[in-house]
Amino acid sequence: MKASDLQVKNLFELKQTLAADWMETLEYPWDILPKIKAMILELGAKLPKTDYEQIAETIWVAKDALIAPSAALNGPLIIGHETEVRHCAYIRGNALVGEGCVVGNSTELKNVILMNQVQVPHYNYVGDSVLGFKAHMGAGSITSNVKSDKSPVTVRIGEEKIETGLKKFGALLGDKVEIGCNSVLNPGSIVGRSSHVYPLSMVRGVVPPNSIYKTAGEIVTRVIL
């Protein structure tokens, strides 16, 4: 893989998110992370009132979304059509949640974009991350978004190192990625489209598209029959 493989068009189908106009102008998708708050505020003000209810100053929720009474919602926040936010979910703010998503019990979101039909259904933490169309995180899997030494996150592809300049950068999951239960995605992890990560994995760096991540030393091509 090379740096160009990490461009927005190679990870995400942008028609599956309200963030399309913002993201298609970026060189790399992690460049959207510092802009999520401003993006949500701009998008929210333009949402049709026939479809979305503004339930707080910076929170817009589709009228056909299902929000559990025990869920905690903080803005800026947009929740799309037919999305379900389950009991005790905690959305801390700066979250764009697409259509047909599931944000499950005890799941926490912060500074994220969830494209359409993403599922984070059980005990997940997703921070400073972008999850592509139909991405799914198994129970207990999390994105770790800050390095232990608090230094800026870098992205490595072989011998190439890309400086992101971000101290908080969780993960980028391409479209239709599957993350196994109780896995940890280390800061700056990128998983290519249609790849699967085994349960109990510790992922660091870049996983190519259409792969199966078994361990750091064993990543194999996924055969789709």
C-alpha atoms as a PDB file:
ATOM      1  CA  MET A   1       0.000   0.000   0.000  1.00  0.00           C
ATOM      2  CA  LYS A   2       0.963   3.644  -0.465  1.00  0.00           C
ATOM      3  CA  ALA A   3      -0.258   6.936   0.944  1.00  0.00           C
ATOM      4  CA  SER A   4      -2.704   7.520  -1.921  1.00  0.00           C
ATOM      5  CA  ASP A   5      -4.530   4.332  -0.921  1.00  0.00           C
ATOM      6  CA  LEU A   6      -5.637   6.137   2.235  1.00  0.00           C
ATOM      7  CA  GLN A   7      -7.412   8.929   0.423  1.00  0.00           C
ATOM      8  CA  VAL A   8     -11.101   9.477   1.122  1.00  0.00           C
ATOM      9  CA  LYS A   9     -12.298   7.934  -2.158  1.00  0.00           C
ATOM     10  CA  ASN A  10     -10.464   4.679  -1.406  1.00  0.00           C
ATOM     11  CA  LEU A  11     -12.017   4.202   2.024  1.00  0.00           C
ATOM     12  CA  PHE A  12     -15.540   5.588   1.843  1.00  0.00           C
ATOM     13  CA  GLU A  13     -18.598   5.855  -0.378  1.00  0.00           C
ATOM     14  CA  LEU A  14     -19.378   9.486   0.341  1.00  0.00           C
ATOM     15  CA  LYS A  15     -22.983   9.348  -0.838  1.00  0.00           C
ATOM     16  CA  GLN A  16     -23.594   7.496   2.435  1.00  0.00           C
ATOM     17  CA  THR A  17     -23.026  10.546   4.658  1.00  0.00           C
ATOM     18  CA  LEU A  18     -24.123  14.154   5.072  1.00  0.00           C
ATOM     19  CA  ALA A  19     -20.415  14.975   5.422  1.00  0.00           C
ATOM     20  CA  ALA A  20     -19.746  14.302   1.721  1.00  0.00           C
ATOM     21  CA  ASP A  21     -19.225  17.909   0.632  1.00  0.00           C
ATOM     22  CA  TRP A  22     -16.728  18.477   3.425  1.00  0.00           C
ATOM     23  CA  MET A  23     -14.810  15.232   3.059  1.00  0.00           C
ATOM     24  CA  GLU A  24     -14.390  15.207  -0.702  1.00  0.00           C
ATOM     25  CA  THR A  25     -12.198  18.313  -0.471  1.00  0.00           C
ATOM     26  CA  LEU A  26      -9.693  16.647   1.901  1.00  0.00           C
ATOM     27  CA  GLU A  27      -6.426  14.970   1.075  1.00  0.00           C
ATOM     28  CA  TYR A  28      -6.752  12.477   3.912  1.00  0.00           C
ATOM     29  CA  PRO A  29      -9.921  11.600   5.830  1.00  0.00           C
ATOM     30  CA  TRP A  30      -8.430  12.270   9.261  1.00  0.00           C
ATOM     31  CA  ASP A  31      -8.231  15.948   8.282  1.00  0.00           C
ATOM     32  CA  ILE A  32     -11.989  16.127   8.950  1.00  0.00           C
ATOM     33  CA  LEU A  33     -11.579  15.422  12.676  1.00  0.00           C
ATOM     34  CA  PRO A  34     -10.826  19.015  13.814  1.00  0.00           C
ATOM     35  CA  LYS A  35     -13.689  20.263  11.611  1.00  0.00           C
ATOM     36  CA  ILE A  36     -16.527  18.010  12.786  1.00  0.00           C
ATOM     37  CA  LYS A  37     -18.001  20.539  15.206  1.00  0.00           C
ATOM     38  CA  ALA A  38     -18.175  23.333  12.629  1.00  0.00           C
ATOM     39  CA  MET A  39     -19.523  20.930  10.026  1.00  0.00           C
ATOM     40  CA  ILE A  40     -22.392  19.753  12.241  1.00  0.00           C
ATOM     41  CA  LEU A  41     -23.375  23.302  13.130  1.00  0.00           C
ATOM     42  CA  GLU A  42     -23.491  24.241   9.453  1.00  0.00           C
ATOM     43  CA  LEU A  43     -25.353  21.114   8.385  1.00  0.00           C
ATOM     44  CA  GLY A  44     -27.824  21.229  11.263  1.00  0.00           C
ATOM     45  CA  ALA A  45     -28.964  24.728  10.409  1.00  0.00           C
ATOM     46  CA  LYS A  46     -29.848  23.548   6.882  1.00  0.00           C
ATOM     47  CA  LEU A  47     -31.732  20.352   7.764  1.00  0.00           C
ATOM     48  CA  PRO A  48     -35.399  20.317   6.711  1.00  0.00           C
ATOM     49  CA  LYS A  49     -37.702  20.936   9.654  1.00  0.00           C
ATOM     50  CA  THR A  50     -40.205  18.544   8.124  1.00  0.00           C
ATOM     51  CA  ASP A  51     -37.781  15.660   8.713  1.00  0.00           C
ATOM     52  CA  TYR A  52     -35.653  16.745  11.688  1.00  0.00           C
ATOM     53  CA  GLU A  53     -36.546  18.068  15.108  1.00  0.00           C
ATOM     54  CA  GLN A  54     -34.171  20.473  16.825  1.00  0.00           C
ATOM     55  CA  ILE A  55     -34.432  19.192  20.382  1.00  0.00           C
ATOM     56  CA  ALA A  56     -31.737  21.500  21.790  1.00  0.00           C
ATOM     57  CA  GLU A  57     -29.691  24.442  20.558  1.00  0.00           C
ATOM     58  CA  THR A  58     -27.164  22.243  18.705  1.00  0.00           C
ATOM     59  CA  ILE A  59     -28.941  18.872  18.507  1.00  0.00           C
ATOM     60  CA  TRP A  60     -30.962  17.740  15.495  1.00  0.00           C
ATOM     61  CA  VAL A  61     -32.723  14.362  15.493  1.00  0.00           C
ATOM     62  CA  ALA A  62     -34.620  12.779  12.604  1.00  0.00           C
ATOM     63  CA  LYS A  63     -38.277  12.402  13.504  1.00  0.00           C
ATOM     64  CA  ASP A  64     -38.227   8.677  12.705  1.00  0.00           C
ATOM     65  CA  ALA A  65     -35.162   7.951  14.860  1.00  0.00           C
ATOM     66  CA  LEU A  66     -35.651   5.923  18.052  1.00  0.00           C
ATOM     67  CA  ILE A  67     -33.986   7.447  21.113  1.00  0.00           C
ATOM     68  CA  ALA A  68     -34.130   5.574  24.424  1.00  0.00           C
ATOM     69  CA  PRO A  69     -35.164   7.754  27.368  1.00  0.00           C
ATOM     70  CA  SER A  70     -31.974   6.881  29.257  1.00  0.00           C
ATOM     71  CA  ALA A  71     -29.639   7.915  26.418  1.00  0.00           C
ATOM     72  CA  ALA A  72     -27.520  11.030  27.052  1.00  0.00           C
ATOM     73  CA  LEU A  73     -27.304  13.367  24.054  1.00  0.00           C
ATOM     74  CA  ASN A  74     -24.933  16.318  23.915  1.00  0.00           C
ATOM     75  CA  GLY A  75     -24.397  18.656  21.009  1.00  0.00           C
ATOM     76  CA  PRO A  76     -23.319  19.471  18.472  1.00  0.00           C
ATOM     77  CA  LEU A  77     -25.107  16.358  17.235  1.00  0.00           C
ATOM     78  CA  ILE A  78     -27.077  15.126  14.246  1.00  0.00           C
ATOM     79  CA  ILE A  79     -28.904  11.779  14.321  1.00  0.00           C
ATOM     80  CA  GLY A  80     -30.187  10.494  10.984  1.00  0.00           C
ATOM     81  CA  HIS A  81     -33.318   8.752   9.780  1.00  0.00           C
ATOM     82  CA  GLU A  82     -34.284   5.389  11.277  1.00  0.00           C
ATOM     83  CA  THR A  83     -31.288   5.323  13.602  1.00  0.00           C
ATOM     84  CA  GLU A  84     -31.671   3.681  16.991  1.00  0.00           C
ATOM     85  CA  VAL A  85     -29.913   5.042  20.074  1.00  0.00           C
ATOM     86  CA  ARG A  86     -30.361   2.483  22.823  1.00  0.00           C
ATOM     87  CA  HIS A  87     -30.495   2.638  26.599  1.00  0.00           C
ATOM     88  CA  CYS A  88     -27.584   4.280  28.412  1.00  0.00           C
ATOM     89  CA  ALA A  89     -25.777   5.311  25.253  1.00  0.00           C
ATOM     90  CA  TYR A  90     -23.634   8.404  25.872  1.00  0.00           C
ATOM     91  CA  ILE A  91     -23.056  10.800  22.989  1.00  0.00           C
ATOM     92  CA  ARG A  92     -20.631  13.426  24.272  1.00  0.00           C
ATOM     93  CA  GLY A  93     -20.941  15.770  21.318  1.00  0.00           C
ATOM     94  CA  ASN A  94     -19.430  16.561  17.913  1.00  0.00           C
ATOM     95  CA  ALA A  95     -21.129  13.489  16.467  1.00  0.00           C
ATOM     96  CA  LEU A  96     -22.688  13.027  13.047  1.00  0.00           C
ATOM     97  CA  VAL A  97     -24.662   9.776  13.144  1.00  0.00           C
ATOM     98  CA  GLY A  98     -26.017   8.665   9.793  1.00  0.00           C
ATOM     99  CA  GLU A  99     -29.177   6.887   8.704  1.00  0.00           C
ATOM    100  CA  GLY A 100     -30.076   3.388   9.856  1.00  0.00           C
ATOM    101  CA  CYS A 101     -27.347   3.276  12.491  1.00  0.00           C
ATOM    102  CA  VAL A 102     -27.343   1.525  15.870  1.00  0.00           C
ATOM    103  CA  VAL A 103     -25.708   3.179  18.883  1.00  0.00           C
ATOM    104  CA  GLY A 104     -26.062   0.591  21.590  1.00  0.00           C
ATOM    105  CA  ASN A 105     -26.250   0.310  25.323  1.00  0.00           C
ATOM    106  CA  SER A 106     -23.298   1.845  27.185  1.00  0.00           C
ATOM    107  CA  THR A 107     -21.695   2.921  23.911  1.00  0.00           C
ATOM    108  CA  GLU A 108     -19.893   6.273  23.994  1.00  0.00           C
ATOM    109  CA  LEU A 109     -19.325   8.548  20.995  1.00  0.00           C
ATOM    110  CA  LYS A 110     -17.169  11.663  20.827  1.00  0.00           C
ATOM    111  CA  ASN A 111     -16.051  13.691  17.796  1.00  0.00           C
ATOM    112  CA  VAL A 112     -17.058  11.108  15.226  1.00  0.00           C
ATOM    113  CA  ILE A 113     -18.704  10.546  11.889  1.00  0.00           C
ATOM    114  CA  LEU A 114     -20.784   7.397  11.556  1.00  0.00           C
ATOM    115  CA  MET A 115     -21.845   6.903   7.967  1.00  0.00           C
ATOM    116  CA  ASN A 116     -25.142   5.237   7.116  1.00  0.00           C
ATOM    117  CA  GLN A 117     -25.945   1.816   8.609  1.00  0.00           C
ATOM    118  CA  VAL A 118     -22.983   1.758  10.992  1.00  0.00           C
ATOM    119  CA  GLN A 119     -23.467  -0.422  14.073  1.00  0.00           C
ATOM    120  CA  VAL A 120     -21.718   0.189  17.400  1.00  0.00           C
ATOM    121  CA  PRO A 121     -24.234  -1.802  19.413  1.00  0.00           C
ATOM    122  CA  HIS A 122     -22.635  -3.027  22.656  1.00  0.00           C
ATOM    123  CA  TYR A 123     -20.186  -1.379  25.064  1.00  0.00           C
ATOM    124  CA  ASN A 124     -18.142   0.425  22.427  1.00  0.00           C
ATOM    125  CA  TYR A 125     -16.042   3.575  22.714  1.00  0.00           C
ATOM    126  CA  VAL A 126     -15.619   5.498  19.463  1.00  0.00           C
ATOM    127  CA  GLY A 127     -13.670   8.737  19.680  1.00  0.00           C
ATOM    128  CA  ASP A 128     -12.063  11.003  17.067  1.00  0.00           C
ATOM    129  CA  SER A 129     -12.877   8.497  14.348  1.00  0.00           C
ATOM    130  CA  VAL A 130     -14.716   7.984  11.067  1.00  0.00           C
ATOM    131  CA  LEU A 131     -16.670   4.769  10.453  1.00  0.00           C
ATOM    132  CA  GLY A 132     -17.651   3.967   6.887  1.00  0.00           C
ATOM    133  CA  PHE A 133     -20.899   2.665   5.420  1.00  0.00           C
ATOM    134  CA  LYS A 134     -22.087  -0.542   7.115  1.00  0.00           C
ATOM    135  CA  ALA A 135     -19.028  -0.746   9.362  1.00  0.00           C
ATOM    136  CA  HIS A 136     -19.663  -2.850  12.471  1.00  0.00           C
ATOM    137  CA  MET A 137     -17.837  -2.983  15.787  1.00  0.00           C
ATOM    138  CA  GLY A 138     -18.315  -6.121  17.852  1.00  0.00           C
ATOM    139  CA  ALA A 139     -19.186  -5.997  21.538  1.00  0.00           C
ATOM    140  CA  GLY A 140     -16.532  -4.356  23.684  1.00  0.00           C
ATOM    141  CA  SER A 141     -14.340  -3.182  20.808  1.00  0.00           C
ATOM    142  CA  ILE A 142     -12.978   0.359  21.141  1.00  0.00           C
ATOM    143  CA  THR A 143     -10.963   3.031  19.421  1.00  0.00           C
ATOM    144  CA  SER A 144      -8.041   4.297  21.480  1.00  0.00           C
ATOM    145  CA  ASN A 145      -7.592   7.915  20.459  1.00  0.00           C
ATOM    146  CA  VAL A 146      -4.619   9.254  22.477  1.00  0.00           C
ATOM    147  CA  LYS A 147      -1.063   7.894  22.627  1.00  0.00           C
ATOM    148  CA  SER A 148       0.309   7.132  26.069  1.00  0.00           C
ATOM    149  CA  ASP A 149       2.979   9.822  25.701  1.00  0.00           C
ATOM    150  CA  LYS A 150       0.412  12.325  24.356  1.00  0.00           C
ATOM    151  CA  SER A 151       2.519  12.965  21.247  1.00  0.00           C
ATOM    152  CA  PRO A 152       0.904  13.623  17.824  1.00  0.00           C
ATOM    153  CA  VAL A 153      -0.364  10.542  16.016  1.00  0.00           C
ATOM    154  CA  THR A 154       1.464   9.401  12.886  1.00  0.00           C
ATOM    155  CA  VAL A 155       0.251   7.010  10.194  1.00  0.00           C
ATOM    156  CA  ARG A 156       2.800   4.489   8.914  1.00  0.00           C
ATOM    157  CA  ILE A 157       2.635   2.616   5.622  1.00  0.00           C
ATOM    158  CA  GLY A 158       5.699   0.447   5.312  1.00  0.00           C
ATOM    159  CA  GLU A 159       8.660   2.818   5.512  1.00  0.00           C
ATOM    160  CA  GLU A 160       6.507   5.872   4.868  1.00  0.00           C
ATOM    161  CA  LYS A 161       5.364   7.988   7.801  1.00  0.00           C
ATOM    162  CA  ILE A 162       2.609  10.603   7.538  1.00  0.00           C
ATOM    163  CA  GLU A 163       2.455  13.278  10.215  1.00  0.00           C
ATOM    164  CA  THR A 164      -1.177  14.021  11.056  1.00  0.00           C
ATOM    165  CA  GLY A 165      -0.490  16.764  13.597  1.00  0.00           C
ATOM    166  CA  LEU A 166      -3.335  15.372  15.710  1.00  0.00           C
ATOM    167  CA  LYS A 167      -2.969  14.456  19.367  1.00  0.00           C
ATOM    168  CA  LYS A 168      -6.411  12.819  19.257  1.00  0.00           C
ATOM    169  CA  PHE A 169      -7.024  10.428  16.385  1.00  0.00           C
ATOM    170  CA  GLY A 170      -8.785   7.124  16.917  1.00  0.00           C
ATOM    171  CA  ALA A 171      -9.464   5.027  13.820  1.00  0.00           C
ATOM    172  CA  LEU A 172     -10.747   5.097  10.284  1.00  0.00           C
ATOM    173  CA  LEU A 173     -12.871   2.109   9.296  1.00  0.00           C
ATOM    174  CA  GLY A 174     -13.605   1.752   5.604  1.00  0.00           C
ATOM    175  CA  ASP A 175     -16.970   0.682   4.254  1.00  0.00           C
ATOM    176  CA  LYS A 176     -18.237  -2.726   5.425  1.00  0.00           C
ATOM    177  CA  VAL A 177     -15.405  -3.317   7.904  1.00  0.00           C
ATOM    178  CA  GLU A 178     -16.052  -5.858  10.672  1.00  0.00           C
ATOM    179  CA  ILE A 179     -14.249  -5.480  14.008  1.00  0.00           C
ATOM    180  CA  GLY A 180     -14.269  -8.516  16.291  1.00  0.00           C
ATOM    181  CA  CYS A 181     -15.400  -8.412  19.892  1.00  0.00           C
ATOM    182  CA  ASN A 182     -13.115  -6.870  22.526  1.00  0.00           C
ATOM    183  CA  SER A 183     -10.586  -5.600  19.998  1.00  0.00           C
ATOM    184  CA  VAL A 184      -8.594  -2.391  20.501  1.00  0.00           C
ATOM    185  CA  LEU A 185      -7.831  -0.097  17.598  1.00  0.00           C
ATOM    186  CA  ASN A 186      -4.746   1.893  18.580  1.00  0.00           C
ATOM    187  CA  PRO A 187      -4.436   5.617  17.747  1.00  0.00           C
ATOM    188  CA  GLY A 188      -4.245   6.201  14.013  1.00  0.00           C
ATOM    189  CA  SER A 189      -5.399   2.729  12.980  1.00  0.00           C
ATOM    190  CA  ILE A 190      -6.851   2.479   9.486  1.00  0.00           C
ATOM    191  CA  VAL A 191      -8.776  -0.567   8.277  1.00  0.00           C
ATOM    192  CA  GLY A 192      -9.441  -0.777   4.551  1.00  0.00           C
ATOM    193  CA  ARG A 193     -12.775  -1.520   2.929  1.00  0.00           C
ATOM    194  CA  SER A 194     -14.419  -4.907   3.535  1.00  0.00           C
ATOM    195  CA  SER A 195     -11.693  -6.127   5.896  1.00  0.00           C
ATOM    196  CA  HIS A 196     -12.341  -8.210   9.015  1.00  0.00           C
ATOM    197  CA  VAL A 197     -10.478  -8.057  12.323  1.00  0.00           C
ATOM    198  CA  TYR A 198     -10.389 -11.100  14.577  1.00  0.00           C
ATOM    199  CA  PRO A 199     -11.830 -10.828  18.104  1.00  0.00           C
ATOM    200  CA  LEU A 200      -9.407  -9.841  20.891  1.00  0.00           C
ATOM    201  CA  SER A 201      -7.076  -8.157  18.407  1.00  0.00           C
ATOM    202  CA  MET A 202      -4.774  -5.203  19.068  1.00  0.00           C
ATOM    203  CA  VAL A 203      -4.617  -3.318  15.788  1.00  0.00           C
ATOM    204  CA  ARG A 204      -1.904  -0.792  14.987  1.00  0.00           C
ATOM    205  CA  GLY A 205      -1.171   0.855  11.648  1.00  0.00           C
ATOM    206  CA  VAL A 206      -2.862   0.140   8.326  1.00  0.00           C
ATOM    207  CA  VAL A 207      -4.845  -2.982   7.388  1.00  0.00           C
ATOM    208  CA  PRO A 208      -5.231  -3.325   3.597  1.00  0.00           C
ATOM    209  CA  PRO A 209      -8.704  -3.600   2.053  1.00  0.00           C
ATOM    210  CA  ASN A 210     -10.285  -7.050   1.639  1.00  0.00           C
ATOM    211  CA  SER A 211      -8.085  -8.540   4.347  1.00  0.00           C
ATOM    212  CA  ILE A 212      -8.458 -10.642   7.466  1.00  0.00           C
ATOM    213  CA  TYR A 213      -6.437  -9.356  10.407  1.00  0.00           C
ATOM    214  CA  LYS A 214      -5.498 -12.302  12.623  1.00  0.00           C
ATOM    215  CA  THR A 215      -2.451 -10.832  14.374  1.00  0.00           C
ATOM    216  CA  ALA A 216       0.006  -8.047  13.576  1.00  0.00           C
ATOM    217  CA  GLY A 217       2.174 -10.600  11.808  1.00  0.00           C
ATOM    218  CA  GLU A 218      -0.618 -12.443  10.058  1.00  0.00           C
ATOM    219  CA  ILE A 219      -2.851 -10.467   7.727  1.00  0.00           C
ATOM    220  CA  VAL A 220      -4.263 -12.526   4.879  1.00  0.00           C
ATOM    221  CA  THR A 221      -6.329 -11.744   1.819  1.00  0.00           C
ATOM    222  CA  ARG A 222     -10.033 -12.253   2.366  1.00  0.00           C
ATOM    223  CA  VAL A 223     -11.553 -14.612  -0.183  1.00  0.00           C
ATOM    224  CA  ILE A 224     -15.168 -13.720  -0.979  1.00  0.00           C
ATOM    225  CA  LEU A 225     -17.041 -16.663  -2.468  1.00  0.00           C
END
